[in-house]
């Protein structure tokens, strides 16, 4: 009796499992292995429902999207989704076999494993996919700890590049042949999860190179910056950094200003004197002209006034 019951139980299990497998084989959720999303942009996780030839006009009953085990979207008669998550197709309906997930304003925290589970009237299935987030680093900036750097001087060059993901590295290349120098990259994580990179290159006295390039690498080459150093001789040829230049400038400049002031005063005095003579001559000429225009009677009157006798 116990043997018969055990056989019946075993047959029941086999039938149920076989039925489940058969139903599951009718429907499959297929997803890309991984998807790449850009930081701050929209990211899509591609998944779709594939059915066997036996399935005609399937209808989706339930869709569940989970991020690292936490539900971010649920369709069960209605759609319920966490902020920034939605179906990739805005007008999605239960007859649509595209169940891709759309993520708005992608952040570093969205880089996780996602699972999509689907139940249809012809069976159920689930599949997983991954999201990889990337962010482009800023153009490197090179600066020095000293004000003036020449190929013969000792100084430290610092290269910075910010706002990238995943963690990248900075490389230093010297000379036109791009000989790479072995340096360390310091990476700091910002609040938004992005990395800020910095790297130092020490220049020793007597260095013959005048070209230094900093390159930021993030799954390949992102961007670069090059610093060209000018030698002391080249600067002198351009009239810069000559010995005694600053002292000569401090001495000559005041003398030039004083000379200009003296010349200006002399010119002003000369012009003023010339103008005075011109005004005197004009006044004498006007008096003579007035005397010539006096009538005889007027002249007698004037003479009488001068000689009352």
Protein backbone atom coordinates (compact mmCIF):
# COMPACT_ATOMS: atom_id res chain seq x y z
CA UNK A 1 0.00 0.00 0.00
CA UNK A 2 2.84 2.39 0.90
CA UNK A 3 4.65 1.43 -2.28
CA UNK A 4 1.57 2.23 -4.41
CA UNK A 5 1.16 5.61 -2.71
CA UNK A 6 4.82 6.44 -3.26
CA UNK A 7 4.52 5.54 -6.93
CA UNK A 8 1.41 7.72 -7.34
CA UNK A 9 3.14 10.65 -5.63
CA UNK A 10 6.18 10.28 -7.87
CA UNK A 11 3.98 10.19 -10.99
CA UNK A 12 2.15 13.32 -9.82
CA UNK A 13 5.44 15.18 -9.33
CA UNK A 14 6.70 14.11 -12.74
CA UNK A 15 3.48 15.23 -14.42
CA UNK A 16 3.53 18.63 -12.68
CA UNK A 17 7.19 19.27 -13.47
CA UNK A 18 6.78 18.14 -17.06
CA UNK A 19 3.75 20.36 -17.44
CA UNK A 20 5.62 23.33 -15.98
CA UNK A 21 8.58 22.76 -18.31
CA UNK A 22 6.28 22.42 -21.27
CA UNK A 23 4.49 25.66 -20.39
CA UNK A 24 7.77 27.47 -19.77
CA UNK A 25 9.19 26.29 -23.09
CA UNK A 26 6.39 28.11 -24.89
CA UNK A 27 7.55 31.50 -23.54
CA UNK A 28 11.06 32.85 -23.02
CA UNK A 29 12.37 36.23 -21.91
CA UNK A 30 15.50 37.11 -23.87
CA UNK A 31 17.77 39.98 -22.81
CA UNK A 32 21.10 41.43 -23.81
CA UNK A 33 23.90 40.21 -21.57
CA UNK A 34 24.81 43.78 -20.64
CA UNK A 35 23.84 47.29 -21.65
CA UNK A 36 25.93 50.49 -21.60
CA UNK A 37 24.43 53.71 -20.24
CA UNK A 38 25.86 57.23 -20.26
CA UNK A 39 25.87 59.14 -16.98
CA UNK A 40 23.10 61.75 -16.87
CA UNK A 41 21.42 60.34 -20.00
CA UNK A 42 18.68 57.77 -20.65
CA UNK A 43 19.65 54.10 -20.51
CA UNK A 44 17.69 51.17 -21.90
CA UNK A 45 17.81 47.53 -20.82
CA UNK A 46 16.73 45.49 -23.85
CA UNK A 47 14.45 42.52 -23.11
CA UNK A 48 11.70 40.93 -25.19
CA UNK A 49 9.36 37.95 -25.05
CA UNK A 50 9.97 35.11 -27.50
CA UNK A 51 7.27 32.47 -28.00
CA UNK A 52 7.15 29.08 -29.71
CA UNK A 53 5.17 28.38 -32.87
CA UNK A 54 2.41 26.79 -30.80
CA UNK A 55 1.62 30.09 -29.09
CA UNK A 56 -0.88 32.23 -30.96
CA UNK A 57 -1.59 35.84 -29.97
CA UNK A 58 -0.14 35.75 -26.43
CA UNK A 59 -1.17 38.22 -23.76
CA UNK A 60 1.10 39.51 -21.02
CA UNK A 61 -0.43 39.27 -17.58
CA UNK A 62 2.43 40.26 -15.24
CA UNK A 63 5.82 41.94 -15.70
CA UNK A 64 8.23 42.47 -12.81
CA UNK A 65 11.57 44.30 -13.14
CA UNK A 66 13.99 44.05 -10.22
CA UNK A 67 17.26 45.90 -9.61
CA UNK A 68 19.60 43.90 -7.38
CA UNK A 69 16.52 42.17 -5.94
CA UNK A 70 14.50 45.37 -5.38
CA UNK A 71 11.41 45.90 -7.50
CA UNK A 72 11.54 48.99 -9.74
CA UNK A 73 8.60 48.24 -12.08
CA UNK A 74 5.44 46.13 -11.85
CA UNK A 75 2.70 45.51 -14.35
CA UNK A 76 -0.34 43.73 -12.99
CA UNK A 77 -3.41 45.21 -14.68
CA UNK A 78 -1.81 48.62 -14.09
CA UNK A 79 1.79 49.88 -14.24
CA UNK A 80 3.59 50.82 -11.02
CA UNK A 81 7.15 52.08 -11.29
CA UNK A 82 9.77 53.76 -9.14
CA UNK A 83 10.90 57.28 -10.11
CA UNK A 84 13.03 57.38 -13.31
CA UNK A 85 11.96 53.84 -14.33
CA UNK A 86 9.42 52.99 -17.04
CA UNK A 87 8.78 50.75 -20.03
CA UNK A 88 10.96 51.80 -22.94
CA UNK A 89 7.86 51.96 -25.13
CA UNK A 90 5.61 54.79 -23.87
CA UNK A 91 2.42 53.22 -25.24
CA UNK A 92 3.21 49.72 -23.96
CA UNK A 93 0.25 47.30 -23.78
CA UNK A 94 -0.20 43.63 -22.71
CA UNK A 95 -0.06 42.63 -26.38
CA UNK A 96 3.42 44.11 -26.75
CA UNK A 97 6.25 41.59 -26.50
CA UNK A 98 8.90 44.30 -25.98
CA UNK A 99 9.35 44.60 -22.21
CA UNK A 100 12.55 46.70 -22.24
CA UNK A 101 13.20 48.95 -19.24
CA UNK A 102 14.05 52.65 -19.58
CA UNK A 103 16.06 54.53 -16.94
CA UNK A 104 16.05 58.35 -17.00
CA UNK A 105 18.97 60.50 -15.80
CA UNK A 106 21.27 57.53 -15.31
CA UNK A 107 23.46 57.64 -12.21
CA UNK A 108 26.42 55.57 -11.03
CA UNK A 109 24.13 53.82 -8.53
CA UNK A 110 22.13 52.36 -11.47
CA UNK A 111 25.04 50.11 -12.39
CA UNK A 112 23.59 46.79 -11.19
CA UNK A 113 22.17 43.44 -12.28
CA UNK A 114 18.51 43.56 -13.35
CA UNK A 115 15.99 40.72 -13.61
CA UNK A 116 12.87 40.69 -15.77
CA UNK A 117 10.11 38.16 -14.95
CA UNK A 118 7.12 37.75 -17.26
CA UNK A 119 3.85 35.80 -16.91
CA UNK A 120 1.68 35.34 -19.97
CA UNK A 121 -1.42 33.29 -20.73
CA UNK A 122 0.92 30.80 -22.39
CA UNK A 123 3.60 30.47 -19.71
CA UNK A 124 6.16 32.32 -17.60
CA UNK A 125 9.90 32.97 -17.69
CA UNK A 126 12.59 35.28 -16.36
CA UNK A 127 16.00 36.53 -17.49
CA UNK A 128 18.78 38.76 -16.20
CA UNK A 129 20.84 41.58 -17.71
CA UNK A 130 23.44 44.09 -16.51
CA UNK A 131 23.86 47.83 -16.86
CA UNK A 132 27.32 49.34 -17.20
CA UNK A 133 27.54 53.11 -16.60
CA UNK A 134 30.20 55.31 -18.17
CA UNK A 135 31.06 59.01 -17.86
CA UNK A 136 33.61 60.91 -19.95
CA UNK A 137 36.45 62.57 -18.08
CA UNK A 138 37.15 66.27 -18.56
CA UNK A 139 40.06 67.45 -20.70
CA UNK A 140 43.24 67.15 -18.60
CA UNK A 141 44.78 70.34 -17.22
CA UNK A 142 48.53 70.60 -16.54
CA UNK A 143 49.94 73.10 -14.06
CA UNK A 144 53.24 73.52 -12.21
CA UNK A 145 54.25 74.19 -8.63
CA UNK A 146 56.65 76.89 -9.86
CA UNK A 147 55.87 80.05 -11.80
CA UNK A 148 58.48 79.56 -14.54
CA UNK A 149 59.47 76.12 -15.74
CA UNK A 150 62.30 75.46 -18.20
CA UNK A 151 63.77 72.17 -19.39
CA UNK A 152 66.76 72.77 -17.09
CA UNK A 153 64.78 73.57 -13.95
CA UNK A 154 63.48 71.34 -11.19
CA UNK A 155 59.71 71.39 -10.82
CA UNK A 156 56.64 69.21 -10.38
CA UNK A 157 53.96 69.04 -13.03
CA UNK A 158 50.44 68.12 -11.91
CA UNK A 159 47.71 66.81 -14.22
CA UNK A 160 44.01 66.84 -13.27
CA UNK A 161 40.96 65.33 -14.95
CA UNK A 162 37.54 65.18 -13.25
CA UNK A 163 34.02 63.78 -13.52
CA UNK A 164 34.62 60.37 -15.09
CA UNK A 165 33.47 56.80 -14.54
CA UNK A 166 34.56 54.07 -14.08
CA UNK A 167 37.88 54.67 -12.36
CA UNK A 168 40.43 55.69 -14.98
CA UNK A 169 44.10 56.54 -14.95
CA UNK A 170 46.42 59.32 -16.09
CA UNK A 171 49.52 58.64 -18.17
CA UNK A 172 52.54 60.89 -18.72
CA UNK A 173 54.41 60.90 -22.04
CA UNK A 174 57.67 62.76 -22.59
CA UNK A 175 59.07 64.15 -25.82
CA UNK A 176 57.76 63.97 -29.38
CA UNK A 177 58.29 60.18 -29.38
CA UNK A 178 55.82 59.84 -26.49
CA UNK A 179 57.99 57.88 -24.06
CA UNK A 180 55.70 56.90 -21.19
CA UNK A 181 56.79 57.66 -17.63
CA UNK A 182 55.83 55.45 -14.72
CA UNK A 183 53.64 57.53 -12.38
CA UNK A 184 50.82 56.94 -9.93
CA UNK A 185 47.24 58.12 -10.39
CA UNK A 186 45.35 59.41 -7.36
CA UNK A 187 41.59 58.89 -7.63
CA UNK A 188 39.00 60.50 -5.36
CA UNK A 189 35.32 59.60 -5.42
CA UNK A 190 32.89 62.52 -5.46
CA UNK A 191 29.42 62.48 -3.88
CA UNK A 192 27.83 61.58 -7.22
CA UNK A 193 30.09 58.54 -7.54
CA UNK A 194 32.27 60.02 -10.27
CA UNK A 195 36.06 59.98 -10.05
CA UNK A 196 38.46 62.95 -9.93
CA UNK A 197 41.98 62.00 -11.06
CA UNK A 198 45.35 63.65 -10.41
CA UNK A 199 48.94 62.67 -11.13
CA UNK A 200 52.35 64.28 -10.52
CA UNK A 201 55.46 64.20 -12.68
CA UNK A 202 58.75 65.43 -11.19
CA UNK A 203 61.17 67.22 -13.52
CA UNK A 204 64.83 66.91 -12.55
CA UNK A 205 67.50 69.53 -13.33
CA UNK A 206 69.23 68.88 -16.63
CA UNK A 207 66.21 67.37 -18.34
CA UNK A 208 66.58 67.66 -22.10
CA UNK A 209 62.90 67.28 -22.94
CA UNK A 210 60.62 70.26 -23.48
CA UNK A 211 57.32 68.48 -24.27
CA UNK A 212 55.14 66.74 -21.70
CA UNK A 213 51.75 65.16 -22.48
CA UNK A 214 49.13 63.97 -19.99
CA UNK A 215 46.56 61.47 -21.25
CA UNK A 216 43.43 60.27 -19.43
CA UNK A 217 42.43 56.66 -20.05
CA UNK A 218 38.92 55.32 -19.38
CA UNK A 219 38.31 52.03 -21.22
CA UNK A 220 40.45 53.55 -23.94
CA UNK A 221 41.84 57.02 -24.57
CA UNK A 222 39.48 59.82 -23.56
CA UNK A 223 41.46 63.04 -24.02
CA UNK A 224 44.90 64.59 -23.57
CA UNK A 225 46.79 67.82 -22.87
CA UNK A 226 50.35 68.79 -23.85
CA UNK A 227 52.69 71.27 -22.15
CA UNK A 228 55.50 72.84 -24.17
CA UNK A 229 58.43 74.23 -22.14
CA UNK A 230 60.56 77.06 -23.55
CA UNK A 231 64.30 77.08 -22.84
CA UNK A 232 66.11 80.10 -21.37
CA UNK A 233 67.80 80.82 -24.72
CA UNK A 234 64.46 80.80 -26.57
CA UNK A 235 62.98 83.21 -24.06
CA UNK A 236 65.95 85.62 -24.51
CA UNK A 237 65.47 85.51 -28.25
CA UNK A 238 61.95 86.75 -27.69
CA UNK A 239 63.12 89.53 -25.38
CA UNK A 240 61.97 87.75 -22.23
CA UNK A 241 63.80 86.90 -19.02
CA UNK A 242 67.08 88.64 -20.08
CA UNK A 243 69.52 89.35 -17.20
CA UNK A 244 68.99 92.80 -15.74
CA UNK A 245 65.77 93.34 -17.68
CA UNK A 246 63.67 94.05 -14.61
CA UNK A 247 66.32 96.43 -13.14
CA UNK A 248 66.74 98.33 -16.42
CA UNK A 249 62.99 98.65 -16.72
CA UNK A 250 62.71 100.10 -13.22
CA UNK A 251 65.44 102.69 -13.99
CA UNK A 252 64.52 103.70 -17.55
CA UNK A 253 60.76 103.92 -17.11
CA UNK A 254 60.80 106.82 -14.57
CA UNK A 255 63.38 108.69 -16.67
CA UNK A 256 61.18 108.42 -19.74
CA UNK A 257 58.20 109.76 -17.82
CA UNK A 258 60.20 112.70 -16.36
CA UNK A 259 61.63 113.56 -19.78
CA UNK A 260 58.19 113.52 -21.31
CA UNK A 261 56.92 115.91 -18.64
CA UNK A 262 59.83 118.38 -19.19
CA UNK A 263 59.36 118.38 -22.94
CA UNK A 264 55.65 118.94 -22.48
CA UNK A 265 56.25 121.95 -20.22
CA UNK A 266 58.74 123.51 -22.67
CA UNK A 267 56.34 123.10 -25.54
CA UNK A 268 53.48 124.61 -23.52
CA UNK A 269 55.67 127.61 -22.53
CA UNK A 270 56.73 128.17 -26.12
CA UNK A 271 53.20 127.97 -27.40
CA UNK A 272 51.94 130.28 -24.66
CA UNK A 273 54.64 132.91 -25.46
CA UNK A 274 53.82 132.77 -29.13
CA UNK A 275 50.14 133.26 -28.41
CA UNK A 276 50.94 136.33 -26.21
CA UNK A 277 52.93 137.99 -29.01
CA UNK A 278 50.15 137.30 -31.46
CA UNK A 279 47.58 138.94 -29.21
CA UNK A 280 49.86 142.05 -28.73
CA UNK A 281 50.36 142.48 -32.47
CA UNK A 282 46.63 142.18 -33.08
CA UNK A 283 45.86 144.88 -30.47
CA UNK A 284 48.45 147.35 -32.01
CA UNK A 285 47.11 146.73 -35.47
CA UNK A 286 43.55 147.36 -34.30
CA UNK A 287 44.59 150.70 -32.67
CA UNK A 288 46.38 151.88 -35.81
CA UNK A 289 43.42 150.96 -37.94
CA UNK A 290 41.10 152.87 -35.60
CA UNK A 291 43.35 155.95 -35.80
CA UNK A 292 43.33 155.97 -39.57
CA UNK A 293 39.53 155.86 -39.63
CA UNK A 294 39.08 159.02 -37.47
CA UNK A 295 37.27 161.94 -39.35
CA UNK A 296 38.83 165.45 -39.55
CA UNK A 297 36.21 167.00 -37.25
CA UNK A 298 36.77 164.24 -34.78
CA UNK A 299 40.49 164.87 -35.04
CA UNK A 300 40.03 168.59 -34.24
CA UNK A 301 37.90 167.72 -31.27
CA UNK A 302 40.53 165.37 -30.03
CA UNK A 303 43.24 168.01 -30.53
CA UNK A 304 41.18 170.59 -28.69
CA UNK A 305 40.77 168.23 -25.78
CA UNK A 306 44.49 167.62 -25.71
CA UNK A 307 45.39 171.46 -25.94
CA UNK A 308 42.78 173.60 -24.14
CA UNK A 309 44.69 176.82 -25.10
